[in-house]
Amino acid sequence: MDFISFTGEYNYSIDAKGRVNMPAPLRKALPDSSEATVVLTRGQMENIVVYSLDEWKKIQEGLNKLSTINPLHRNFIRSLTRYASICKFDSQGRIAIPPNLLEYAKIKKDVAIIGLNTEIEIWDPELLRFHEQIDFRLDQADFENLANELRRP
C-alpha cells in the first residue's frame, strides 16, 4: 500500500454540472492503486470528505468490525456509507460531486479544498471561516503539546 499525504489549501469553483477540478498536488498524492478513483461522503461538519480507495477500504474494514445489531453502530455505519459515492476523475482532473453532498455542505459555487493527511476536505469557504472561528481553534499550548507527542518514540 502506498504512503498518502494530502496537504495544502486550494480555492476552486464548481461548474454548472457539479464538477470541481481536484488540485494536481492532491491528485498526484493518490496511490496508483486508486486508479484515479476516490470516495466522497459527508464530513462531520457540513463538509465533504474525499478518501482514496485504499483509505476507504480501511474504513470499510473498521466498519465490518461493528455490529449492525447495535443501534449506535448501525446508525454510524449508515451515516457514513449512505452518502458515500465512488467518483472517477475525468480527463481534466475533475470529479462530479453528487447533488446531495453539495446540498449537505451548502456549496453553491466556490470551494476550499484542504489536504488533511490521509483525506481531503471540500468546504464552502464561508462555512470554513465560520468553523475556523468557533470549532478549529487551537491555542499555542495545545499546539506545542501535540507537536511534542508527535516527536515521542
C-alpha atoms as a PDB file:
ATOM      1  CA  MET A   1       0.000   0.000   0.000  1.00  0.00           C
ATOM      2  CA  ASP A   2       1.335   3.436  -0.945  1.00  0.00           C
ATOM      3  CA  PHE A   3       2.015   6.248   1.526  1.00  0.00           C
ATOM      4  CA  ILE A   4      -0.600   9.004   1.289  1.00  0.00           C
ATOM      5  CA  SER A   5      -0.094  12.580   2.408  1.00  0.00           C
ATOM      6  CA  PHE A   6      -2.544  15.238   1.304  1.00  0.00           C
ATOM      7  CA  THR A   7      -1.528  18.783   2.247  1.00  0.00           C
ATOM      8  CA  GLY A   8      -2.346  22.369   1.356  1.00  0.00           C
ATOM      9  CA  GLU A   9      -5.406  24.519   0.750  1.00  0.00           C
ATOM     10  CA  TYR A  10      -6.754  25.340  -2.695  1.00  0.00           C
ATOM     11  CA  ASN A  11      -9.627  27.505  -3.896  1.00  0.00           C
ATOM     12  CA  TYR A  12     -11.710  26.399  -6.857  1.00  0.00           C
ATOM     13  CA  SER A  13     -15.211  26.740  -8.265  1.00  0.00           C
ATOM     14  CA  ILE A  14     -17.881  24.173  -9.014  1.00  0.00           C
ATOM     15  CA  ASP A  15     -19.048  24.199 -12.626  1.00  0.00           C
ATOM     16  CA  ALA A  16     -22.687  24.065 -13.765  1.00  0.00           C
ATOM     17  CA  LYS A  17     -22.555  20.249 -13.820  1.00  0.00           C
ATOM     18  CA  GLY A  18     -21.380  19.998 -10.201  1.00  0.00           C
ATOM     19  CA  ARG A  19     -17.781  19.183 -11.105  1.00  0.00           C
ATOM     20  CA  VAL A  20     -14.686  20.516  -9.413  1.00  0.00           C
ATOM     21  CA  ASN A  21     -11.091  20.316 -10.544  1.00  0.00           C
ATOM     22  CA  MET A  22      -9.089  18.455  -7.933  1.00  0.00           C
ATOM     23  CA  PRO A  23      -5.742  20.232  -7.419  1.00  0.00           C
ATOM     24  CA  ALA A  24      -2.863  18.471  -9.170  1.00  0.00           C
ATOM     25  CA  PRO A  25      -0.766  18.045  -5.977  1.00  0.00           C
ATOM     26  CA  LEU A  26      -3.658  16.193  -4.344  1.00  0.00           C
ATOM     27  CA  ARG A  27      -4.299  14.020  -7.406  1.00  0.00           C
ATOM     28  CA  LYS A  28      -0.592  13.163  -7.599  1.00  0.00           C
ATOM     29  CA  ALA A  29      -0.592  12.127  -3.928  1.00  0.00           C
ATOM     30  CA  LEU A  30      -3.193   9.441  -4.634  1.00  0.00           C
ATOM     31  CA  PRO A  31      -1.737   5.940  -4.657  1.00  0.00           C
ATOM     32  CA  ASP A  32      -1.505   4.231  -8.040  1.00  0.00           C
ATOM     33  CA  SER A  33      -3.894   1.586  -6.750  1.00  0.00           C
ATOM     34  CA  SER A  34      -6.678   4.193  -6.601  1.00  0.00           C
ATOM     35  CA  GLU A  35      -6.782   4.256 -10.410  1.00  0.00           C
ATOM     36  CA  ALA A  36      -7.987   7.881 -10.464  1.00  0.00           C
ATOM     37  CA  THR A  37     -10.965   6.931  -8.310  1.00  0.00           C
ATOM     38  CA  VAL A  38     -11.981   8.379  -4.941  1.00  0.00           C
ATOM     39  CA  VAL A  39     -14.852   8.014  -2.493  1.00  0.00           C
ATOM     40  CA  LEU A  40     -16.799  11.088  -1.409  1.00  0.00           C
ATOM     41  CA  THR A  41     -19.058  11.179   1.634  1.00  0.00           C
ATOM     42  CA  ARG A  42     -20.414  13.551   4.247  1.00  0.00           C
ATOM     43  CA  GLY A  43     -17.946  15.028   6.686  1.00  0.00           C
ATOM     44  CA  GLN A  44     -18.712  15.714  10.322  1.00  0.00           C
ATOM     45  CA  MET A  45     -19.203  19.462   9.965  1.00  0.00           C
ATOM     46  CA  GLU A  46     -21.184  20.324   6.824  1.00  0.00           C
ATOM     47  CA  ASN A  47     -18.301  19.454   4.561  1.00  0.00           C
ATOM     48  CA  ILE A  48     -17.428  16.702   2.100  1.00  0.00           C
ATOM     49  CA  VAL A  49     -14.650  14.217   2.783  1.00  0.00           C
ATOM     50  CA  VAL A  50     -12.713  12.574  -0.043  1.00  0.00           C
ATOM     51  CA  TYR A  51     -10.900   9.274   0.510  1.00  0.00           C
ATOM     52  CA  SER A  52      -8.588   7.294  -1.736  1.00  0.00           C
ATOM     53  CA  LEU A  53      -9.852   3.789  -2.456  1.00  0.00           C
ATOM     54  CA  ASP A  54      -7.159   2.392  -0.149  1.00  0.00           C
ATOM     55  CA  GLU A  55      -8.287   4.592   2.753  1.00  0.00           C
ATOM     56  CA  TRP A  56     -11.934   3.777   2.093  1.00  0.00           C
ATOM     57  CA  LYS A  57     -11.101   0.057   2.221  1.00  0.00           C
ATOM     58  CA  LYS A  58      -9.506   0.603   5.651  1.00  0.00           C
ATOM     59  CA  ILE A  59     -12.657   2.384   6.799  1.00  0.00           C
ATOM     60  CA  GLN A  60     -14.806  -0.451   5.483  1.00  0.00           C
ATOM     61  CA  GLU A  61     -12.649  -2.975   7.344  1.00  0.00           C
ATOM     62  CA  GLY A  62     -13.248  -0.990  10.525  1.00  0.00           C
ATOM     63  CA  LEU A  63     -16.977  -0.811   9.832  1.00  0.00           C
ATOM     64  CA  ASN A  64     -17.064  -4.581   9.339  1.00  0.00           C
ATOM     65  CA  LYS A  65     -15.923  -4.952  12.952  1.00  0.00           C
ATOM     66  CA  LEU A  66     -19.036  -3.137  14.166  1.00  0.00           C
ATOM     67  CA  SER A  67     -22.344  -4.887  14.730  1.00  0.00           C
ATOM     68  CA  THR A  68     -25.453  -3.779  12.863  1.00  0.00           C
ATOM     69  CA  ILE A  69     -27.444  -5.291  15.736  1.00  0.00           C
ATOM     70  CA  ASN A  70     -26.152  -2.476  17.969  1.00  0.00           C
ATOM     71  CA  PRO A  71     -28.261   0.641  17.144  1.00  0.00           C
ATOM     72  CA  LEU A  72     -25.339   3.025  17.715  1.00  0.00           C
ATOM     73  CA  HIS A  73     -23.083   1.020  15.394  1.00  0.00           C
ATOM     74  CA  ARG A  74     -25.838   0.671  12.798  1.00  0.00           C
ATOM     75  CA  ASN A  75     -26.556   4.414  12.807  1.00  0.00           C
ATOM     76  CA  PHE A  76     -22.859   5.220  12.490  1.00  0.00           C
ATOM     77  CA  ILE A  77     -22.397   2.795   9.598  1.00  0.00           C
ATOM     78  CA  ARG A  78     -25.494   4.176   7.896  1.00  0.00           C
ATOM     79  CA  SER A  79     -24.445   7.805   8.329  1.00  0.00           C
ATOM     80  CA  LEU A  80     -21.027   7.114   6.833  1.00  0.00           C
ATOM     81  CA  THR A  81     -21.980   4.822   3.967  1.00  0.00           C
ATOM     82  CA  ARG A  82     -25.401   6.151   2.986  1.00  0.00           C
ATOM     83  CA  TYR A  83     -23.966   9.184   1.261  1.00  0.00           C
ATOM     84  CA  ALA A  84     -20.752   7.596   0.009  1.00  0.00           C
ATOM     85  CA  SER A  85     -20.209   7.929  -3.704  1.00  0.00           C
ATOM     86  CA  ILE A  86     -17.434   6.397  -5.793  1.00  0.00           C
ATOM     87  CA  CYS A  87     -16.174   9.020  -8.247  1.00  0.00           C
ATOM     88  CA  LYS A  88     -13.674   8.760 -11.075  1.00  0.00           C
ATOM     89  CA  PHE A  89     -11.602  11.704 -12.285  1.00  0.00           C
ATOM     90  CA  ASP A  90     -12.326  12.805 -15.835  1.00  0.00           C
ATOM     91  CA  SER A  91      -9.556  13.575 -18.335  1.00  0.00           C
ATOM     92  CA  GLN A  92      -9.295  17.142 -16.983  1.00  0.00           C
ATOM     93  CA  GLY A  93      -8.830  16.054 -13.359  1.00  0.00           C
ATOM     94  CA  ARG A  94     -12.392  16.886 -12.294  1.00  0.00           C
ATOM     95  CA  ILE A  95     -14.778  14.916 -10.135  1.00  0.00           C
ATOM     96  CA  ALA A  96     -18.544  15.242 -10.201  1.00  0.00           C
ATOM     97  CA  ILE A  97     -19.887  15.871  -6.719  1.00  0.00           C
ATOM     98  CA  PRO A  98     -23.338  14.374  -6.163  1.00  0.00           C
ATOM     99  CA  PRO A  99     -26.070  16.996  -5.608  1.00  0.00           C
ATOM    100  CA  ASN A 100     -26.981  15.611  -2.168  1.00  0.00           C
ATOM    101  CA  LEU A 101     -23.407  16.190  -0.958  1.00  0.00           C
ATOM    102  CA  LEU A 102     -23.304  19.708  -2.418  1.00  0.00           C
ATOM    103  CA  GLU A 103     -26.557  20.476  -0.622  1.00  0.00           C
ATOM    104  CA  TYR A 104     -25.339  18.994   2.677  1.00  0.00           C
ATOM    105  CA  ALA A 105     -22.132  21.063   2.541  1.00  0.00           C
ATOM    106  CA  LYS A 106     -24.069  24.177   1.439  1.00  0.00           C
ATOM    107  CA  ILE A 107     -21.781  24.511  -1.572  1.00  0.00           C
ATOM    108  CA  LYS A 108     -23.080  26.765  -4.302  1.00  0.00           C
ATOM    109  CA  LYS A 109     -20.106  27.851  -6.430  1.00  0.00           C
ATOM    110  CA  ASP A 110     -16.790  28.372  -4.654  1.00  0.00           C
ATOM    111  CA  VAL A 111     -14.990  25.705  -2.637  1.00  0.00           C
ATOM    112  CA  ALA A 112     -11.966  25.420  -0.399  1.00  0.00           C
ATOM    113  CA  ILE A 113     -10.192  22.087  -0.856  1.00  0.00           C
ATOM    114  CA  ILE A 114      -7.962  21.100   2.047  1.00  0.00           C
ATOM    115  CA  GLY A 115      -5.458  18.264   2.319  1.00  0.00           C
ATOM    116  CA  LEU A 116      -5.856  16.611   5.701  1.00  0.00           C
ATOM    117  CA  ASN A 117      -3.096  13.993   5.742  1.00  0.00           C
ATOM    118  CA  THR A 118      -4.939  10.831   4.593  1.00  0.00           C
ATOM    119  CA  GLU A 119      -8.134  12.530   3.456  1.00  0.00           C
ATOM    120  CA  ILE A 120      -9.283  15.630   1.608  1.00  0.00           C
ATOM    121  CA  GLU A 121     -11.982  18.033   2.764  1.00  0.00           C
ATOM    122  CA  ILE A 122     -14.169  20.135   0.482  1.00  0.00           C
ATOM    123  CA  TRP A 123     -15.799  23.159   2.115  1.00  0.00           C
ATOM    124  CA  ASP A 124     -17.945  26.121   1.308  1.00  0.00           C
ATOM    125  CA  PRO A 125     -15.416  28.913   2.067  1.00  0.00           C
ATOM    126  CA  GLU A 126     -17.832  30.873   4.286  1.00  0.00           C
ATOM    127  CA  LEU A 127     -18.673  27.806   6.371  1.00  0.00           C
ATOM    128  CA  LEU A 128     -14.975  27.021   6.674  1.00  0.00           C
ATOM    129  CA  ARG A 129     -14.276  30.531   8.003  1.00  0.00           C
ATOM    130  CA  PHE A 130     -17.170  30.195  10.461  1.00  0.00           C
ATOM    131  CA  HIS A 131     -15.908  26.863  11.790  1.00  0.00           C
ATOM    132  CA  GLU A 132     -12.356  28.218  11.994  1.00  0.00           C
ATOM    133  CA  GLN A 133     -13.617  30.891  14.397  1.00  0.00           C
ATOM    134  CA  ILE A 134     -15.715  28.533  16.516  1.00  0.00           C
ATOM    135  CA  ASP A 135     -14.536  24.930  16.269  1.00  0.00           C
ATOM    136  CA  PHE A 136     -10.990  24.805  14.916  1.00  0.00           C
ATOM    137  CA  ARG A 137      -9.283  26.972  17.476  1.00  0.00           C
ATOM    138  CA  LEU A 138      -6.012  25.551  18.740  1.00  0.00           C
ATOM    139  CA  ASP A 139      -4.140  27.611  21.299  1.00  0.00           C
ATOM    140  CA  GLN A 140      -0.358  27.707  21.467  1.00  0.00           C
ATOM    141  CA  ALA A 141      -0.110  25.367  24.467  1.00  0.00           C
ATOM    142  CA  ASP A 142      -2.285  22.709  22.802  1.00  0.00           C
ATOM    143  CA  PHE A 143      -0.283  23.032  19.592  1.00  0.00           C
ATOM    144  CA  GLU A 144       3.015  22.600  21.448  1.00  0.00           C
ATOM    145  CA  ASN A 145       1.729  19.607  23.440  1.00  0.00           C
ATOM    146  CA  LEU A 146       0.506  17.847  20.311  1.00  0.00           C
ATOM    147  CA  ALA A 147       3.719  18.647  18.427  1.00  0.00           C
ATOM    148  CA  ASN A 148       5.730  17.154  21.293  1.00  0.00           C
ATOM    149  CA  GLU A 149       3.588  13.990  21.222  1.00  0.00           C
ATOM    150  CA  LEU A 150       4.494  13.532  17.556  1.00  0.00           C
ATOM    151  CA  ARG A 151       8.183  13.535  18.428  1.00  0.00           C
ATOM    152  CA  ARG A 152       7.902  10.833  21.082  1.00  0.00           C
ATOM    153  CA  PRO A 153       9.057   7.355  20.033  1.00  0.00           C
END
